[in-house]
Amino acid sequence: MDKYSRKDFLKRGLVAGAAIAGAGTFLSYCRKPADEGSEGAVSCNDTSGLSEADLATRTQNGYVDVSSKAGQSCSNCALYTQPTGGSSCGGCQAVKGPINPAGWCNLWVAQG
């Protein structure tokens, strides 16, 4: 086993430390968009102000926060209303409560 001088040891330690710090920075840019609050990550589930009838309408129409239908989401539905007041959640003309732009329900209609 080779003997290292204190100077070599410190150099290797600094290089290794810089490599680890650089790798952490690099990997932080590799996160999924959902980690950054992308459309699918928006939570529009606060239905505390809705009546039982409004909640039933959401359920009966199969509203989900994230669409599983290719090309269909609340943001491109004719019934969707854009968010206001800095909110990430929009609205709907048929389903009451906060609506996720990435969501979907059985009432989805293409914008015309």
N, C-alpha and C. Protein backbone atom coordinates (compact mmCIF):
# COMPACT_ATOMS: atom_id res chain seq x y z
N MET A 1 0.84 -1.18 0.00
CA MET A 1 0.00 0.00 0.00
C MET A 1 0.89 1.24 0.00
N ASP A 2 0.56 2.15 -0.92
CA ASP A 2 1.35 3.37 -1.02
C ASP A 2 1.01 4.31 0.13
N LYS A 3 2.01 5.04 0.54
CA LYS A 3 1.78 6.04 1.57
C LYS A 3 1.47 7.38 0.90
N TYR A 4 0.45 8.03 1.39
CA TYR A 4 0.07 9.33 0.87
C TYR A 4 0.59 10.41 1.80
N SER A 5 1.02 11.51 1.20
CA SER A 5 1.40 12.65 2.02
C SER A 5 0.12 13.36 2.46
N ARG A 6 0.24 14.17 3.44
CA ARG A 6 -0.90 14.93 3.92
C ARG A 6 -1.46 15.81 2.80
N LYS A 7 -0.57 16.36 2.00
CA LYS A 7 -0.96 17.22 0.88
C LYS A 7 -1.81 16.41 -0.12
N ASP A 8 -1.38 15.20 -0.49
CA ASP A 8 -2.14 14.36 -1.41
C ASP A 8 -3.51 13.99 -0.82
N PHE A 9 -3.51 13.67 0.45
CA PHE A 9 -4.75 13.31 1.13
C PHE A 9 -5.76 14.46 1.07
N LEU A 10 -5.29 15.67 1.36
CA LEU A 10 -6.18 16.83 1.33
C LEU A 10 -6.67 17.12 -0.08
N LYS A 11 -5.79 17.00 -1.08
CA LYS A 11 -6.20 17.22 -2.46
C LYS A 11 -7.30 16.25 -2.87
N ARG A 12 -7.11 14.97 -2.57
CA ARG A 12 -8.10 13.95 -2.94
C ARG A 12 -9.41 14.17 -2.18
N GLY A 13 -9.29 14.56 -0.94
CA GLY A 13 -10.49 14.84 -0.15
C GLY A 13 -11.28 16.01 -0.71
N LEU A 14 -10.60 17.07 -1.13
CA LEU A 14 -11.27 18.23 -1.70
C LEU A 14 -11.91 17.89 -3.04
N VAL A 15 -11.21 17.11 -3.86
CA VAL A 15 -11.76 16.70 -5.15
C VAL A 15 -13.00 15.83 -4.94
N ALA A 16 -12.93 14.89 -4.02
CA ALA A 16 -14.07 14.01 -3.74
C ALA A 16 -15.25 14.82 -3.21
N GLY A 17 -15.00 15.76 -2.32
CA GLY A 17 -16.06 16.60 -1.78
C GLY A 17 -16.72 17.44 -2.85
N ALA A 18 -15.93 18.01 -3.74
CA ALA A 18 -16.47 18.82 -4.83
C ALA A 18 -17.30 17.94 -5.78
N ALA A 19 -16.84 16.73 -6.03
CA ALA A 19 -17.57 15.81 -6.91
C ALA A 19 -18.93 15.44 -6.30
N ILE A 20 -18.95 15.19 -5.01
CA ILE A 20 -20.21 14.85 -4.34
C ILE A 20 -21.17 16.03 -4.36
N ALA A 21 -20.67 17.23 -4.09
CA ALA A 21 -21.52 18.41 -4.11
C ALA A 21 -22.04 18.67 -5.52
N GLY A 22 -21.19 18.51 -6.53
CA GLY A 22 -21.60 18.70 -7.91
C GLY A 22 -22.64 17.67 -8.33
N ALA A 23 -22.47 16.44 -7.89
CA ALA A 23 -23.43 15.39 -8.23
C ALA A 23 -24.79 15.70 -7.61
N GLY A 24 -24.81 16.20 -6.40
CA GLY A 24 -26.08 16.55 -5.75
C GLY A 24 -26.79 17.66 -6.50
N THR A 25 -26.05 18.65 -6.94
CA THR A 25 -26.63 19.74 -7.72
C THR A 25 -27.17 19.23 -9.05
N PHE A 26 -26.38 18.40 -9.71
CA PHE A 26 -26.79 17.83 -10.99
C PHE A 26 -28.05 16.99 -10.83
N LEU A 27 -28.09 16.15 -9.82
CA LEU A 27 -29.24 15.27 -9.62
C LEU A 27 -30.50 16.04 -9.24
N SER A 28 -30.35 17.20 -8.64
CA SER A 28 -31.53 17.99 -8.28
C SER A 28 -32.26 18.48 -9.53
N TYR A 29 -31.56 18.58 -10.66
CA TYR A 29 -32.21 18.98 -11.91
C TYR A 29 -32.85 17.80 -12.63
N CYS A 30 -32.66 16.61 -12.12
CA CYS A 30 -33.20 15.40 -12.74
C CYS A 30 -34.53 14.98 -12.13
N ARG A 31 -35.14 15.82 -11.31
CA ARG A 31 -36.42 15.48 -10.69
C ARG A 31 -37.51 15.40 -11.72
N LYS A 32 -38.55 14.65 -11.40
CA LYS A 32 -39.73 14.56 -12.25
C LYS A 32 -40.48 15.88 -12.17
N PRO A 33 -41.19 16.26 -13.23
CA PRO A 33 -41.97 17.50 -13.18
C PRO A 33 -42.95 17.56 -12.02
N ALA A 34 -43.48 16.43 -11.59
CA ALA A 34 -44.43 16.42 -10.48
C ALA A 34 -43.79 16.92 -9.20
N ASP A 35 -42.47 16.77 -9.08
CA ASP A 35 -41.78 17.26 -7.90
C ASP A 35 -41.77 18.78 -7.84
N GLU A 36 -41.95 19.43 -8.98
CA GLU A 36 -41.85 20.87 -9.04
C GLU A 36 -43.21 21.56 -9.05
N GLY A 37 -44.26 20.80 -8.87
CA GLY A 37 -45.58 21.41 -8.88
C GLY A 37 -46.13 21.59 -10.27
N SER A 38 -45.90 20.64 -11.13
CA SER A 38 -46.46 20.67 -12.44
C SER A 38 -47.95 20.50 -12.38
N GLU A 39 -48.63 20.63 -13.53
CA GLU A 39 -50.08 20.56 -13.56
C GLU A 39 -50.61 19.33 -12.82
N GLY A 40 -50.07 18.14 -13.04
CA GLY A 40 -50.56 16.95 -12.40
C GLY A 40 -50.37 16.93 -10.92
N ALA A 41 -49.46 17.74 -10.40
CA ALA A 41 -49.19 17.78 -9.00
C ALA A 41 -50.04 18.75 -8.24
N VAL A 42 -50.80 19.56 -8.92
CA VAL A 42 -51.68 20.53 -8.29
C VAL A 42 -52.77 19.76 -7.54
N SER A 43 -52.98 20.13 -6.29
CA SER A 43 -54.02 19.47 -5.51
C SER A 43 -55.25 20.37 -5.43
N CYS A 44 -56.33 19.87 -5.98
CA CYS A 44 -57.59 20.61 -5.98
C CYS A 44 -58.66 19.79 -5.26
N ASN A 45 -58.29 19.24 -4.14
CA ASN A 45 -59.19 18.34 -3.41
C ASN A 45 -59.87 18.97 -2.21
N ASP A 46 -59.70 20.27 -2.00
CA ASP A 46 -60.33 20.91 -0.85
C ASP A 46 -61.80 21.18 -1.17
N THR A 47 -62.63 20.26 -0.79
CA THR A 47 -64.07 20.37 -1.06
C THR A 47 -64.85 20.71 0.21
N SER A 48 -64.17 21.29 1.18
CA SER A 48 -64.79 21.56 2.48
C SER A 48 -65.98 22.52 2.40
N GLY A 49 -66.04 23.39 1.41
CA GLY A 49 -67.14 24.34 1.32
C GLY A 49 -68.30 23.87 0.46
N LEU A 50 -68.25 22.63 -0.03
CA LEU A 50 -69.30 22.14 -0.92
C LEU A 50 -70.42 21.43 -0.17
N SER A 51 -71.61 21.52 -0.72
CA SER A 51 -72.76 20.82 -0.13
C SER A 51 -72.67 19.34 -0.49
N GLU A 52 -73.52 18.55 0.16
CA GLU A 52 -73.57 17.11 -0.13
C GLU A 52 -73.96 16.87 -1.59
N ALA A 53 -74.87 17.69 -2.11
CA ALA A 53 -75.31 17.56 -3.50
C ALA A 53 -74.16 17.86 -4.47
N ASP A 54 -73.35 18.89 -4.15
CA ASP A 54 -72.21 19.23 -4.99
C ASP A 54 -71.16 18.11 -4.98
N LEU A 55 -70.94 17.55 -3.80
CA LEU A 55 -70.00 16.42 -3.69
C LEU A 55 -70.51 15.22 -4.47
N ALA A 56 -71.80 14.99 -4.42
CA ALA A 56 -72.40 13.87 -5.15
C ALA A 56 -72.23 14.07 -6.66
N THR A 57 -72.37 15.32 -7.12
CA THR A 57 -72.19 15.62 -8.55
C THR A 57 -70.77 15.30 -8.99
N ARG A 58 -69.80 15.67 -8.16
CA ARG A 58 -68.39 15.36 -8.48
C ARG A 58 -68.20 13.86 -8.59
N THR A 59 -68.76 13.12 -7.65
CA THR A 59 -68.61 11.66 -7.63
C THR A 59 -69.35 11.01 -8.80
N GLN A 60 -70.59 11.40 -9.01
CA GLN A 60 -71.41 10.81 -10.08
C GLN A 60 -70.81 11.02 -11.46
N ASN A 61 -70.14 12.14 -11.64
CA ASN A 61 -69.53 12.44 -12.93
C ASN A 61 -68.10 11.93 -13.05
N GLY A 62 -67.63 11.22 -12.02
CA GLY A 62 -66.32 10.58 -12.08
C GLY A 62 -65.14 11.53 -12.10
N TYR A 63 -65.28 12.71 -11.46
CA TYR A 63 -64.17 13.67 -11.45
C TYR A 63 -62.94 13.06 -10.79
N VAL A 64 -61.79 13.20 -11.46
CA VAL A 64 -60.49 12.81 -10.90
C VAL A 64 -59.52 13.97 -11.09
N ASP A 65 -58.57 14.08 -10.18
CA ASP A 65 -57.59 15.17 -10.19
C ASP A 65 -56.60 15.07 -11.36
N VAL A 66 -56.37 13.87 -11.87
CA VAL A 66 -55.43 13.68 -12.98
C VAL A 66 -56.08 12.77 -14.02
N SER A 67 -56.17 13.26 -15.25
CA SER A 67 -56.81 12.51 -16.33
C SER A 67 -55.98 11.31 -16.75
N SER A 68 -56.66 10.22 -17.08
CA SER A 68 -55.99 9.05 -17.65
C SER A 68 -56.35 8.93 -19.13
N LYS A 69 -57.07 9.91 -19.65
CA LYS A 69 -57.51 9.91 -21.05
C LYS A 69 -56.55 10.77 -21.87
N ALA A 70 -55.90 10.17 -22.86
CA ALA A 70 -54.97 10.90 -23.71
C ALA A 70 -55.68 12.04 -24.43
N GLY A 71 -55.14 13.23 -24.34
CA GLY A 71 -55.70 14.39 -25.02
C GLY A 71 -56.93 14.99 -24.38
N GLN A 72 -57.36 14.45 -23.25
CA GLN A 72 -58.53 14.98 -22.56
C GLN A 72 -58.16 15.37 -21.14
N SER A 73 -58.28 16.62 -20.84
CA SER A 73 -58.10 17.11 -19.46
C SER A 73 -59.01 18.31 -19.27
N CYS A 74 -59.22 18.67 -18.05
CA CYS A 74 -60.11 19.80 -17.77
C CYS A 74 -59.65 21.07 -18.49
N SER A 75 -58.34 21.27 -18.60
CA SER A 75 -57.84 22.50 -19.22
C SER A 75 -58.23 22.64 -20.68
N ASN A 76 -58.57 21.52 -21.36
CA ASN A 76 -59.01 21.64 -22.75
C ASN A 76 -60.47 21.22 -22.92
N CYS A 77 -61.23 21.33 -21.85
CA CYS A 77 -62.67 21.05 -21.86
C CYS A 77 -63.43 22.36 -22.04
N ALA A 78 -64.52 22.32 -22.79
CA ALA A 78 -65.34 23.50 -23.04
C ALA A 78 -66.01 24.02 -21.77
N LEU A 79 -66.18 23.18 -20.76
CA LEU A 79 -66.85 23.57 -19.52
C LEU A 79 -65.89 24.16 -18.47
N TYR A 80 -64.59 24.07 -18.71
CA TYR A 80 -63.58 24.51 -17.75
C TYR A 80 -63.48 26.03 -17.71
N THR A 81 -63.34 26.59 -16.50
CA THR A 81 -63.10 28.02 -16.34
C THR A 81 -61.72 28.21 -15.74
N GLN A 82 -60.98 29.16 -16.28
CA GLN A 82 -59.59 29.40 -15.88
C GLN A 82 -59.49 29.84 -14.41
N PRO A 83 -58.35 29.49 -13.76
CA PRO A 83 -58.14 29.92 -12.37
C PRO A 83 -58.09 31.44 -12.26
N THR A 84 -58.51 31.94 -11.11
CA THR A 84 -58.46 33.38 -10.84
C THR A 84 -57.80 33.61 -9.49
N GLY A 85 -57.35 34.80 -9.26
CA GLY A 85 -56.81 35.19 -7.97
C GLY A 85 -55.55 34.45 -7.57
N GLY A 86 -54.75 34.03 -8.54
CA GLY A 86 -53.49 33.35 -8.24
C GLY A 86 -53.64 31.88 -7.87
N SER A 87 -54.83 31.35 -7.94
CA SER A 87 -55.06 29.94 -7.64
C SER A 87 -54.55 29.07 -8.77
N SER A 88 -54.18 27.84 -8.45
CA SER A 88 -53.78 26.87 -9.47
C SER A 88 -54.99 26.08 -9.95
N CYS A 89 -56.07 26.13 -9.20
CA CYS A 89 -57.27 25.37 -9.53
C CYS A 89 -58.27 26.27 -10.25
N GLY A 90 -58.86 25.72 -11.31
CA GLY A 90 -59.89 26.45 -12.03
C GLY A 90 -61.27 26.05 -11.54
N GLY A 91 -62.23 26.18 -12.40
CA GLY A 91 -63.60 25.82 -12.06
C GLY A 91 -64.24 25.08 -13.22
N CYS A 92 -65.50 24.75 -13.05
CA CYS A 92 -66.24 24.04 -14.09
C CYS A 92 -67.66 24.56 -14.07
N GLN A 93 -68.27 24.63 -15.24
CA GLN A 93 -69.65 25.10 -15.35
C GLN A 93 -70.65 24.04 -14.87
N ALA A 94 -70.21 22.77 -14.80
CA ALA A 94 -71.12 21.69 -14.41
C ALA A 94 -70.79 21.04 -13.08
N VAL A 95 -69.51 21.06 -12.70
CA VAL A 95 -69.06 20.42 -11.46
C VAL A 95 -68.54 21.50 -10.53
N LYS A 96 -69.14 21.62 -9.37
CA LYS A 96 -68.75 22.66 -8.40
C LYS A 96 -67.43 22.30 -7.71
N GLY A 97 -66.78 23.33 -7.19
CA GLY A 97 -65.55 23.14 -6.41
C GLY A 97 -64.31 23.37 -7.24
N PRO A 98 -63.15 23.25 -6.58
CA PRO A 98 -61.88 23.47 -7.28
C PRO A 98 -61.62 22.35 -8.29
N ILE A 99 -61.18 22.75 -9.48
CA ILE A 99 -60.95 21.80 -10.56
C ILE A 99 -59.49 21.88 -11.00
N ASN A 100 -58.83 20.74 -11.00
CA ASN A 100 -57.44 20.65 -11.44
C ASN A 100 -57.40 20.74 -12.96
N PRO A 101 -56.54 21.61 -13.52
CA PRO A 101 -56.44 21.70 -14.97
C PRO A 101 -56.08 20.36 -15.62
N ALA A 102 -55.39 19.50 -14.88
CA ALA A 102 -55.00 18.18 -15.39
C ALA A 102 -56.06 17.13 -15.12
N GLY A 103 -57.18 17.51 -14.51
CA GLY A 103 -58.23 16.57 -14.13
C GLY A 103 -59.10 16.14 -15.30
N TRP A 104 -60.14 15.39 -14.98
CA TRP A 104 -61.07 14.88 -16.00
C TRP A 104 -62.35 14.41 -15.33
N CYS A 105 -63.46 14.45 -16.06
CA CYS A 105 -64.70 13.83 -15.62
C CYS A 105 -65.49 13.37 -16.83
N ASN A 106 -66.57 12.65 -16.58
CA ASN A 106 -67.39 12.09 -17.66
C ASN A 106 -68.08 13.15 -18.52
N LEU A 107 -68.11 14.39 -18.05
CA LEU A 107 -68.77 15.45 -18.80
C LEU A 107 -67.82 16.16 -19.76
N TRP A 108 -66.59 15.69 -19.91
CA TRP A 108 -65.59 16.34 -20.75
C TRP A 108 -66.14 16.55 -22.17
N VAL A 109 -66.00 17.80 -22.67
CA VAL A 109 -66.42 18.17 -24.01
C VAL A 109 -65.28 18.94 -24.66
N ALA A 110 -64.92 18.58 -25.87
CA ALA A 110 -63.83 19.27 -26.57
C ALA A 110 -64.18 20.74 -26.77
N GLN A 111 -63.18 21.60 -26.63
CA GLN A 111 -63.39 23.02 -26.90
C GLN A 111 -63.64 23.20 -28.38
N GLY A 112 -64.56 24.05 -28.71
CA GLY A 112 -64.94 24.19 -30.11
C GLY A 112 -64.72 25.53 -30.61
